[in-house]
């Protein structure tokens, strides 16, 4: 396993693990659904929505890695950096810095 001294060092690796556009799109869908579920959680107070948020976010991401990208999700090796990378990639796709 490669060691990274910082998130700045990790992020190019993270992007390389998301080279196929369909993988990034599925991550974006999963992250969007996660945000929606968290919004419903806040509105209703129903904790089941937390599970739905996790399932949506990780489910779409893991499926994309297994079936499209054909690699192992970085979540298993670098959980915190991977979570940070997912949200930065989401923001960069939302703002047009990374191709959607």
PDB file of N, CA and C in Angstrom:
ATOM      1  N   UNK A   1       0.845  -1.179   0.000  1.00  0.00           N
ATOM      2  CA  UNK A   1       0.000   0.000   0.000  1.00  0.00           C
ATOM      3  C   UNK A   1       0.890   1.242   0.000  1.00  0.00           C
ATOM      4  N   UNK A   2       0.564   2.167  -0.870  1.00  0.00           N
ATOM      5  CA  UNK A   2       1.309   3.411  -0.986  1.00  0.00           C
ATOM      6  C   UNK A   2       0.946   4.336   0.167  1.00  0.00           C
ATOM      7  N   UNK A   3       1.923   4.996   0.747  1.00  0.00           N
ATOM      8  CA  UNK A   3       1.682   5.951   1.827  1.00  0.00           C
ATOM      9  C   UNK A   3       1.652   7.366   1.253  1.00  0.00           C
ATOM     10  N   UNK A   4       0.741   8.163   1.744  1.00  0.00           N
ATOM     11  CA  UNK A   4       0.627   9.554   1.311  1.00  0.00           C
ATOM     12  C   UNK A   4       0.835  10.454   2.515  1.00  0.00           C
ATOM     13  N   UNK A   5       1.651  11.469   2.355  1.00  0.00           N
ATOM     14  CA  UNK A   5       1.967  12.376   3.451  1.00  0.00           C
ATOM     15  C   UNK A   5       0.868  13.409   3.685  1.00  0.00           C
ATOM     16  N   UNK A   6       0.029  13.633   2.665  1.00  0.00           N
ATOM     17  CA  UNK A   6      -1.015  14.650   2.779  1.00  0.00           C
ATOM     18  C   UNK A   6      -2.137  14.349   1.796  1.00  0.00           C
ATOM     19  N   UNK A   7      -3.253  15.030   2.003  1.00  0.00           N
ATOM     20  CA  UNK A   7      -4.358  14.893   1.065  1.00  0.00           C
ATOM     21  C   UNK A   7      -3.973  15.452  -0.302  1.00  0.00           C
ATOM     22  N   UNK A   8      -3.201  16.514  -0.316  1.00  0.00           N
ATOM     23  CA  UNK A   8      -2.742  17.113  -1.580  1.00  0.00           C
ATOM     24  C   UNK A   8      -1.954  16.082  -2.393  1.00  0.00           C
ATOM     25  N   UNK A   9      -1.185  15.275  -1.725  1.00  0.00           N
ATOM     26  CA  UNK A   9      -0.419  14.222  -2.389  1.00  0.00           C
ATOM     27  C   UNK A   9      -1.326  13.063  -2.828  1.00  0.00           C
ATOM     28  N   UNK A  10      -2.358  12.797  -2.052  1.00  0.00           N
ATOM     29  CA  UNK A  10      -3.276  11.691  -2.319  1.00  0.00           C
ATOM     30  C   UNK A  10      -4.217  11.971  -3.489  1.00  0.00           C
ATOM     31  N   UNK A  11      -4.675  13.210  -3.625  1.00  0.00           N
ATOM     32  CA  UNK A  11      -5.754  13.523  -4.557  1.00  0.00           C
ATOM     33  C   UNK A  11      -5.454  13.158  -6.017  1.00  0.00           C
ATOM     34  N   UNK A  12      -4.263  13.389  -6.549  1.00  0.00           N
ATOM     35  CA  UNK A  12      -4.004  12.923  -7.925  1.00  0.00           C
ATOM     36  C   UNK A  12      -4.159  11.406  -8.073  1.00  0.00           C
ATOM     37  N   UNK A  13      -3.733  10.664  -7.061  1.00  0.00           N
ATOM     38  CA  UNK A  13      -3.951   9.212  -7.076  1.00  0.00           C
ATOM     39  C   UNK A  13      -5.450   8.911  -7.102  1.00  0.00           C
ATOM     40  N   UNK A  14      -6.209   9.610  -6.264  1.00  0.00           N
ATOM     41  CA  UNK A  14      -7.653   9.416  -6.191  1.00  0.00           C
ATOM     42  C   UNK A  14      -8.295   9.650  -7.560  1.00  0.00           C
ATOM     43  N   UNK A  15      -7.916  10.729  -8.214  1.00  0.00           N
ATOM     44  CA  UNK A  15      -8.468  11.018  -9.541  1.00  0.00           C
ATOM     45  C   UNK A  15      -8.087   9.949 -10.554  1.00  0.00           C
ATOM     46  N   UNK A  16      -6.889   9.402 -10.446  1.00  0.00           N
ATOM     47  CA  UNK A  16      -6.474   8.343 -11.370  1.00  0.00           C
ATOM     48  C   UNK A  16      -7.306   7.081 -11.196  1.00  0.00           C
ATOM     49  N   UNK A  17      -7.854   6.884 -10.010  1.00  0.00           N
ATOM     50  CA  UNK A  17      -8.724   5.749  -9.738  1.00  0.00           C
ATOM     51  C   UNK A  17     -10.139   5.980 -10.271  1.00  0.00           C
ATOM     52  N   UNK A  18     -10.388   7.178 -10.796  1.00  0.00           N
ATOM     53  CA  UNK A  18     -11.692   7.571 -11.340  1.00  0.00           C
ATOM     54  C   UNK A  18     -11.532   8.071 -12.772  1.00  0.00           C
ATOM     55  N   UNK A  19     -10.728   7.381 -13.544  1.00  0.00           N
ATOM     56  CA  UNK A  19     -10.402   7.815 -14.905  1.00  0.00           C
ATOM     57  C   UNK A  19     -11.571   7.669 -15.875  1.00  0.00           C
ATOM     58  N   UNK A  20     -12.427   6.689 -15.661  1.00  0.00           N
ATOM     59  CA  UNK A  20     -13.558   6.460 -16.552  1.00  0.00           C
ATOM     60  C   UNK A  20     -14.692   7.414 -16.162  1.00  0.00           C
ATOM     61  N   UNK A  21     -15.166   8.140 -17.145  1.00  0.00           N
ATOM     62  CA  UNK A  21     -16.195   9.157 -16.905  1.00  0.00           C
ATOM     63  C   UNK A  21     -17.444   8.586 -16.212  1.00  0.00           C
ATOM     64  N   UNK A  22     -17.855   7.377 -16.579  1.00  0.00           N
ATOM     65  CA  UNK A  22     -19.042   6.772 -15.972  1.00  0.00           C
ATOM     66  C   UNK A  22     -18.851   6.549 -14.468  1.00  0.00           C
ATOM     67  N   UNK A  23     -17.625   6.275 -14.058  1.00  0.00           N
ATOM     68  CA  UNK A  23     -17.335   6.116 -12.625  1.00  0.00           C
ATOM     69  C   UNK A  23     -17.576   7.432 -11.902  1.00  0.00           C
ATOM     70  N   UNK A  24     -17.064   8.503 -12.451  1.00  0.00           N
ATOM     71  CA  UNK A  24     -17.276   9.820 -11.832  1.00  0.00           C
ATOM     72  C   UNK A  24     -18.758  10.174 -11.799  1.00  0.00           C
ATOM     73  N   UNK A  25     -19.462   9.852 -12.862  1.00  0.00           N
ATOM     74  CA  UNK A  25     -20.902  10.155 -12.901  1.00  0.00           C
ATOM     75  C   UNK A  25     -21.665   9.387 -11.826  1.00  0.00           C
ATOM     76  N   UNK A  26     -21.340   8.116 -11.658  1.00  0.00           N
ATOM     77  CA  UNK A  26     -22.026   7.337 -10.621  1.00  0.00           C
ATOM     78  C   UNK A  26     -21.673   7.846  -9.231  1.00  0.00           C
ATOM     79  N   UNK A  27     -20.439   8.268  -9.028  1.00  0.00           N
ATOM     80  CA  UNK A  27     -20.072   8.889  -7.752  1.00  0.00           C
ATOM     81  C   UNK A  27     -20.906  10.150  -7.528  1.00  0.00           C
ATOM     82  N   UNK A  28     -21.058  10.942  -8.560  1.00  0.00           N
ATOM     83  CA  UNK A  28     -21.822  12.182  -8.448  1.00  0.00           C
ATOM     84  C   UNK A  28     -23.276  11.893  -8.082  1.00  0.00           C
ATOM     85  N   UNK A  29     -23.865  10.896  -8.738  1.00  0.00           N
ATOM     86  CA  UNK A  29     -25.251  10.519  -8.430  1.00  0.00           C
ATOM     87  C   UNK A  29     -25.358  10.049  -6.980  1.00  0.00           C
ATOM     88  N   UNK A  30     -24.449   9.183  -6.563  1.00  0.00           N
ATOM     89  CA  UNK A  30     -24.478   8.674  -5.190  1.00  0.00           C
ATOM     90  C   UNK A  30     -24.299   9.784  -4.171  1.00  0.00           C
ATOM     91  N   UNK A  31     -23.384  10.697  -4.430  1.00  0.00           N
ATOM     92  CA  UNK A  31     -23.169  11.813  -3.501  1.00  0.00           C
ATOM     93  C   UNK A  31     -24.384  12.737  -3.458  1.00  0.00           C
ATOM     94  N   UNK A  32     -24.990  12.985  -4.609  1.00  0.00           N
ATOM     95  CA  UNK A  32     -26.201  13.820  -4.655  1.00  0.00           C
ATOM     96  C   UNK A  32     -27.333  13.181  -3.862  1.00  0.00           C
ATOM     97  N   UNK A  33     -27.524  11.885  -4.053  1.00  0.00           N
ATOM     98  CA  UNK A  33     -28.564  11.174  -3.300  1.00  0.00           C
ATOM     99  C   UNK A  33     -28.257  11.180  -1.811  1.00  0.00           C
ATOM    100  N   UNK A  34     -26.981  11.074  -1.457  1.00  0.00           N
ATOM    101  CA  UNK A  34     -26.598  11.139  -0.046  1.00  0.00           C
ATOM    102  C   UNK A  34     -26.983  12.481   0.564  1.00  0.00           C
ATOM    103  N   UNK A  35     -26.711  13.550  -0.165  1.00  0.00           N
ATOM    104  CA  UNK A  35     -27.084  14.877   0.327  1.00  0.00           C
ATOM    105  C   UNK A  35     -28.596  15.002   0.485  1.00  0.00           C
ATOM    106  N   UNK A  36     -29.326  14.466  -0.471  1.00  0.00           N
ATOM    107  CA  UNK A  36     -30.787  14.485  -0.381  1.00  0.00           C
ATOM    108  C   UNK A  36     -31.258  13.718   0.851  1.00  0.00           C
ATOM    109  N   UNK A  37     -30.702  12.543   1.067  1.00  0.00           N
ATOM    110  CA  UNK A  37     -31.075  11.736   2.237  1.00  0.00           C
ATOM    111  C   UNK A  37     -30.737  12.458   3.543  1.00  0.00           C
ATOM    112  N   UNK A  38     -29.587  13.124   3.587  1.00  0.00           N
ATOM    113  CA  UNK A  38     -29.223  13.873   4.791  1.00  0.00           C
ATOM    114  C   UNK A  38     -30.175  15.044   5.015  1.00  0.00           C
ATOM    115  N   UNK A  39     -30.625  15.653   3.936  1.00  0.00           N
ATOM    116  CA  UNK A  39     -31.623  16.715   4.058  1.00  0.00           C
ATOM    117  C   UNK A  39     -32.934  16.201   4.636  1.00  0.00           C
ATOM    118  N   UNK A  40     -33.349  15.033   4.172  1.00  0.00           N
ATOM    119  CA  UNK A  40     -34.579  14.429   4.701  1.00  0.00           C
ATOM    120  C   UNK A  40     -34.380  14.043   6.162  1.00  0.00           C
ATOM    121  N   UNK A  41     -33.202  13.562   6.515  1.00  0.00           N
ATOM    122  CA  UNK A  41     -32.890  13.239   7.912  1.00  0.00           C
ATOM    123  C   UNK A  41     -33.050  14.469   8.795  1.00  0.00           C
ATOM    124  N   UNK A  42     -32.501  15.585   8.360  1.00  0.00           N
ATOM    125  CA  UNK A  42     -32.604  16.825   9.136  1.00  0.00           C
ATOM    126  C   UNK A  42     -34.060  17.268   9.238  1.00  0.00           C
ATOM    127  N   UNK A  43     -34.805  17.139   8.147  1.00  0.00           N
ATOM    128  CA  UNK A  43     -36.200  17.589   8.128  1.00  0.00           C
ATOM    129  C   UNK A  43     -37.117  16.705   8.980  1.00  0.00           C
ATOM    130  N   UNK A  44     -36.835  15.402   8.991  1.00  0.00           N
ATOM    131  CA  UNK A  44     -37.748  14.475   9.673  1.00  0.00           C
ATOM    132  C   UNK A  44     -37.238  13.966  11.022  1.00  0.00           C
ATOM    133  N   UNK A  45     -35.923  13.988  11.197  1.00  0.00           N
ATOM    134  CA  UNK A  45     -35.342  13.423  12.414  1.00  0.00           C
ATOM    135  C   UNK A  45     -35.315  11.903  12.408  1.00  0.00           C
ATOM    136  N   UNK A  46     -35.702  11.294  11.298  1.00  0.00           N
ATOM    137  CA  UNK A  46     -35.736   9.841  11.185  1.00  0.00           C
ATOM    138  C   UNK A  46     -34.332   9.335  10.842  1.00  0.00           C
ATOM    139  N   UNK A  47     -33.712   8.610  11.780  1.00  0.00           N
ATOM    140  CA  UNK A  47     -32.322   8.168  11.626  1.00  0.00           C
ATOM    141  C   UNK A  47     -32.137   7.139  10.515  1.00  0.00           C
ATOM    142  N   UNK A  48     -33.195   6.542  10.007  1.00  0.00           N
ATOM    143  CA  UNK A  48     -33.072   5.611   8.891  1.00  0.00           C
ATOM    144  C   UNK A  48     -32.469   6.295   7.668  1.00  0.00           C
ATOM    145  N   UNK A  49     -32.686   7.598   7.561  1.00  0.00           N
ATOM    146  CA  UNK A  49     -32.153   8.331   6.414  1.00  0.00           C
ATOM    147  C   UNK A  49     -30.629   8.400   6.432  1.00  0.00           C
ATOM    148  N   UNK A  50     -30.029   8.274   7.610  1.00  0.00           N
ATOM    149  CA  UNK A  50     -28.569   8.229   7.686  1.00  0.00           C
ATOM    150  C   UNK A  50     -28.053   6.966   6.990  1.00  0.00           C
ATOM    151  N   UNK A  51     -28.701   5.854   7.255  1.00  0.00           N
ATOM    152  CA  UNK A  51     -28.344   4.606   6.576  1.00  0.00           C
ATOM    153  C   UNK A  51     -28.559   4.709   5.077  1.00  0.00           C
ATOM    154  N   UNK A  52     -29.643   5.348   4.677  1.00  0.00           N
ATOM    155  CA  UNK A  52     -29.919   5.527   3.251  1.00  0.00           C
ATOM    156  C   UNK A  52     -28.846   6.398   2.605  1.00  0.00           C
ATOM    157  N   UNK A  53     -28.394   7.430   3.320  1.00  0.00           N
ATOM    158  CA  UNK A  53     -27.341   8.308   2.796  1.00  0.00           C
ATOM    159  C   UNK A  53     -26.046   7.525   2.580  1.00  0.00           C
ATOM    160  N   UNK A  54     -25.683   6.701   3.552  1.00  0.00           N
ATOM    161  CA  UNK A  54     -24.466   5.891   3.431  1.00  0.00           C
ATOM    162  C   UNK A  54     -24.595   4.869   2.308  1.00  0.00           C
ATOM    163  N   UNK A  55     -25.744   4.227   2.226  1.00  0.00           N
ATOM    164  CA  UNK A  55     -25.975   3.232   1.181  1.00  0.00           C
ATOM    165  C   UNK A  55     -25.909   3.865  -0.209  1.00  0.00           C
ATOM    166  N   UNK A  56     -26.517   5.018  -0.362  1.00  0.00           N
ATOM    167  CA  UNK A  56     -26.506   5.696  -1.668  1.00  0.00           C
ATOM    168  C   UNK A  56     -25.089   6.106  -2.050  1.00  0.00           C
ATOM    169  N   UNK A  57     -24.401   6.744  -1.136  1.00  0.00           N
ATOM    170  CA  UNK A  57     -23.063   7.231  -1.444  1.00  0.00           C
ATOM    171  C   UNK A  57     -22.079   6.118  -1.739  1.00  0.00           C
ATOM    172  N   UNK A  58     -21.983   5.171  -0.828  1.00  0.00           N
ATOM    173  CA  UNK A  58     -21.027   4.081  -1.014  1.00  0.00           C
ATOM    174  C   UNK A  58     -21.509   3.070  -2.046  1.00  0.00           C
ATOM    175  N   UNK A  59     -22.788   2.827  -2.120  1.00  0.00           N
ATOM    176  CA  UNK A  59     -23.317   1.849  -3.072  1.00  0.00           C
ATOM    177  C   UNK A  59     -22.997   2.213  -4.513  1.00  0.00           C
ATOM    178  N   UNK A  60     -23.321   3.433  -4.899  1.00  0.00           N
ATOM    179  CA  UNK A  60     -23.040   3.867  -6.270  1.00  0.00           C
ATOM    180  C   UNK A  60     -21.537   3.866  -6.543  1.00  0.00           C
ATOM    181  N   UNK A  61     -20.759   4.315  -5.572  1.00  0.00           N
ATOM    182  CA  UNK A  61     -19.308   4.377  -5.755  1.00  0.00           C
ATOM    183  C   UNK A  61     -18.713   2.987  -5.916  1.00  0.00           C
ATOM    184  N   UNK A  62     -19.058   2.082  -5.035  1.00  0.00           N
ATOM    185  CA  UNK A  62     -18.466   0.743  -5.077  1.00  0.00           C
ATOM    186  C   UNK A  62     -18.877  -0.015  -6.328  1.00  0.00           C
ATOM    187  N   UNK A  63     -20.126   0.123  -6.728  1.00  0.00           N
ATOM    188  CA  UNK A  63     -20.578  -0.532  -7.968  1.00  0.00           C
ATOM    189  C   UNK A  63     -19.781   0.001  -9.156  1.00  0.00           C
ATOM    190  N   UNK A  64     -19.554   1.308  -9.170  1.00  0.00           N
ATOM    191  CA  UNK A  64     -18.809   1.881 -10.290  1.00  0.00           C
ATOM    192  C   UNK A  64     -17.374   1.365 -10.343  1.00  0.00           C
ATOM    193  N   UNK A  65     -16.769   1.183  -9.201  1.00  0.00           N
ATOM    194  CA  UNK A  65     -15.392   0.669  -9.188  1.00  0.00           C
ATOM    195  C   UNK A  65     -15.341  -0.801  -9.593  1.00  0.00           C
ATOM    196  N   UNK A  66     -16.270  -1.583  -9.114  1.00  0.00           N
ATOM    197  CA  UNK A  66     -16.250  -3.017  -9.400  1.00  0.00           C
ATOM    198  C   UNK A  66     -16.622  -3.328 -10.843  1.00  0.00           C
ATOM    199  N   UNK A  67     -17.631  -2.648 -11.388  1.00  0.00           N
ATOM    200  CA  UNK A  67     -18.154  -2.993 -12.711  1.00  0.00           C
ATOM    201  C   UNK A  67     -17.619  -2.129 -13.846  1.00  0.00           C
ATOM    202  N   UNK A  68     -17.264  -0.899 -13.550  1.00  0.00           N
ATOM    203  CA  UNK A  68     -16.842   0.007 -14.621  1.00  0.00           C
ATOM    204  C   UNK A  68     -15.326   0.222 -14.591  1.00  0.00           C
ATOM    205  N   UNK A  69     -14.832   0.724 -13.496  1.00  0.00           N
ATOM    206  CA  UNK A  69     -13.408   1.055 -13.383  1.00  0.00           C
ATOM    207  C   UNK A  69     -12.545  -0.199 -13.216  1.00  0.00           C
ATOM    208  N   UNK A  70     -13.152  -1.239 -12.666  1.00  0.00           N
ATOM    209  CA  UNK A  70     -12.463  -2.518 -12.434  1.00  0.00           C
ATOM    210  C   UNK A  70     -11.243  -2.358 -11.517  1.00  0.00           C
ATOM    211  N   UNK A  71     -11.436  -1.592 -10.450  1.00  0.00           N
ATOM    212  CA  UNK A  71     -10.394  -1.448  -9.447  1.00  0.00           C
ATOM    213  C   UNK A  71     -11.019  -1.505  -8.050  1.00  0.00           C
ATOM    214  N   UNK A  72     -10.180  -1.576  -7.059  1.00  0.00           N
ATOM    215  CA  UNK A  72     -10.646  -1.645  -5.673  1.00  0.00           C
ATOM    216  C   UNK A  72     -10.873  -0.230  -5.159  1.00  0.00           C
ATOM    217  N   UNK A  73     -12.056   0.060  -4.580  1.00  0.00           N
ATOM    218  CA  UNK A  73     -12.316   1.408  -4.088  1.00  0.00           C
ATOM    219  C   UNK A  73     -11.247   1.869  -3.090  1.00  0.00           C
ATOM    220  N   UNK A  74     -10.817   3.097  -3.218  1.00  0.00           N
ATOM    221  CA  UNK A  74      -9.812   3.666  -2.319  1.00  0.00           C
ATOM    222  C   UNK A  74     -10.317   3.740  -0.879  1.00  0.00           C
ATOM    223  N   UNK A  75     -11.623   3.664  -0.693  1.00  0.00           N
ATOM    224  CA  UNK A  75     -12.221   3.704   0.643  1.00  0.00           C
ATOM    225  C   UNK A  75     -11.635   2.642   1.557  1.00  0.00           C
ATOM    226  N   UNK A  76     -11.335   1.484   1.018  1.00  0.00           N
ATOM    227  CA  UNK A  76     -10.843   0.381   1.829  1.00  0.00           C
ATOM    228  C   UNK A  76      -9.409   0.595   2.296  1.00  0.00           C
ATOM    229  N   UNK A  77      -8.644   1.377   1.543  1.00  0.00           N
ATOM    230  CA  UNK A  77      -7.244   1.608   1.896  1.00  0.00           C
ATOM    231  C   UNK A  77      -7.025   2.957   2.569  1.00  0.00           C
ATOM    232  N   UNK A  78      -7.773   3.945   2.151  1.00  0.00           N
ATOM    233  CA  UNK A  78      -7.594   5.319   2.634  1.00  0.00           C
ATOM    234  C   UNK A  78      -8.968   5.920   2.953  1.00  0.00           C
ATOM    235  N   UNK A  79      -9.615   5.481   4.009  1.00  0.00           N
ATOM    236  CA  UNK A  79     -11.011   5.900   4.239  1.00  0.00           C
ATOM    237  C   UNK A  79     -11.217   7.414   4.370  1.00  0.00           C
ATOM    238  N   UNK A  80     -10.406   8.095   5.153  1.00  0.00           N
ATOM    239  CA  UNK A  80     -10.628   9.532   5.337  1.00  0.00           C
ATOM    240  C   UNK A  80     -10.263  10.321   4.077  1.00  0.00           C
ATOM    241  N   UNK A  81      -9.108  10.062   3.510  1.00  0.00           N
ATOM    242  CA  UNK A  81      -8.715  10.747   2.285  1.00  0.00           C
ATOM    243  C   UNK A  81      -9.685  10.452   1.145  1.00  0.00           C
ATOM    244  N   UNK A  82     -10.188   9.242   1.109  1.00  0.00           N
ATOM    245  CA  UNK A  82     -11.138   8.874   0.066  1.00  0.00           C
ATOM    246  C   UNK A  82     -12.435   9.670   0.205  1.00  0.00           C
ATOM    247  N   UNK A  83     -12.921   9.794   1.423  1.00  0.00           N
ATOM    248  CA  UNK A  83     -14.139  10.583   1.668  1.00  0.00           C
ATOM    249  C   UNK A  83     -13.912  12.044   1.272  1.00  0.00           C
ATOM    250  N   UNK A  84     -12.766  12.579   1.659  1.00  0.00           N
ATOM    251  CA  UNK A  84     -12.434  13.953   1.292  1.00  0.00           C
ATOM    252  C   UNK A  84     -12.317  14.093  -0.231  1.00  0.00           C
ATOM    253  N   UNK A  85     -11.695  13.104  -0.863  1.00  0.00           N
ATOM    254  CA  UNK A  85     -11.534  13.129  -2.309  1.00  0.00           C
ATOM    255  C   UNK A  85     -12.864  13.076  -3.038  1.00  0.00           C
ATOM    256  N   UNK A  86     -13.779  12.274  -2.510  1.00  0.00           N
ATOM    257  CA  UNK A  86     -15.094  12.154  -3.141  1.00  0.00           C
ATOM    258  C   UNK A  86     -15.818  13.494  -3.147  1.00  0.00           C
ATOM    259  N   UNK A  87     -15.773  14.196  -2.024  1.00  0.00           N
ATOM    260  CA  UNK A  87     -16.487  15.471  -1.954  1.00  0.00           C
ATOM    261  C   UNK A  87     -15.784  16.561  -2.739  1.00  0.00           C
ATOM    262  N   UNK A  88     -14.448  16.522  -2.792  1.00  0.00           N
ATOM    263  CA  UNK A  88     -13.742  17.497  -3.635  1.00  0.00           C
ATOM    264  C   UNK A  88     -14.034  17.214  -5.110  1.00  0.00           C
ATOM    265  N   UNK A  89     -14.007  15.951  -5.505  1.00  0.00           N
ATOM    266  CA  UNK A  89     -14.324  15.600  -6.888  1.00  0.00           C
ATOM    267  C   UNK A  89     -15.767  16.003  -7.222  1.00  0.00           C
ATOM    268  N   UNK A  90     -16.696  15.778  -6.301  1.00  0.00           N
ATOM    269  CA  UNK A  90     -18.093  16.183  -6.477  1.00  0.00           C
ATOM    270  C   UNK A  90     -18.166  17.693  -6.744  1.00  0.00           C
ATOM    271  N   UNK A  91     -17.490  18.468  -5.901  1.00  0.00           N
ATOM    272  CA  UNK A  91     -17.497  19.923  -6.052  1.00  0.00           C
ATOM    273  C   UNK A  91     -16.871  20.338  -7.377  1.00  0.00           C
ATOM    274  N   UNK A  92     -15.765  19.708  -7.738  1.00  0.00           N
ATOM    275  CA  UNK A  92     -15.098  20.074  -8.984  1.00  0.00           C
ATOM    276  C   UNK A  92     -15.926  19.687 -10.206  1.00  0.00           C
ATOM    277  N   UNK A  93     -16.696  18.617 -10.123  1.00  0.00           N
ATOM    278  CA  UNK A  93     -17.607  18.281 -11.229  1.00  0.00           C
ATOM    279  C   UNK A  93     -18.767  19.267 -11.267  1.00  0.00           C
ATOM    280  N   UNK A  94     -19.283  19.617 -10.103  1.00  0.00           N
ATOM    281  CA  UNK A  94     -20.392  20.569 -10.009  1.00  0.00           C
ATOM    282  C   UNK A  94     -20.007  21.934 -10.577  1.00  0.00           C
ATOM    283  N   UNK A  95     -18.767  22.333 -10.356  1.00  0.00           N
ATOM    284  CA  UNK A  95     -18.311  23.644 -10.813  1.00  0.00           C
ATOM    285  C   UNK A  95     -17.631  23.615 -12.174  1.00  0.00           C
ATOM    286  N   UNK A  96     -17.544  22.437 -12.789  1.00  0.00           N
ATOM    287  CA  UNK A  96     -16.999  22.331 -14.136  1.00  0.00           C
ATOM    288  C   UNK A  96     -15.493  22.181 -14.240  1.00  0.00           C
ATOM    289  N   UNK A  97     -14.804  22.043 -13.122  1.00  0.00           N
ATOM    290  CA  UNK A  97     -13.346  21.891 -13.167  1.00  0.00           C
ATOM    291  C   UNK A  97     -12.949  20.499 -13.650  1.00  0.00           C
ATOM    292  N   UNK A  98     -13.779  19.495 -13.359  1.00  0.00           N
ATOM    293  CA  UNK A  98     -13.572  18.126 -13.831  1.00  0.00           C
ATOM    294  C   UNK A  98     -14.749  17.769 -14.715  1.00  0.00           C
ATOM    295  N   UNK A  99     -14.466  17.092 -15.821  1.00  0.00           N
ATOM    296  CA  UNK A  99     -15.518  16.696 -16.752  1.00  0.00           C
ATOM    297  C   UNK A  99     -16.528  15.770 -16.088  1.00  0.00           C
ATOM    298  N   UNK A 100     -17.794  16.061 -16.299  1.00  0.00           N
ATOM    299  CA  UNK A 100     -18.879  15.252 -15.752  1.00  0.00           C
ATOM    300  C   UNK A 100     -19.190  14.143 -16.673  1.00  0.00           C
TER     301      UNK A 100
END
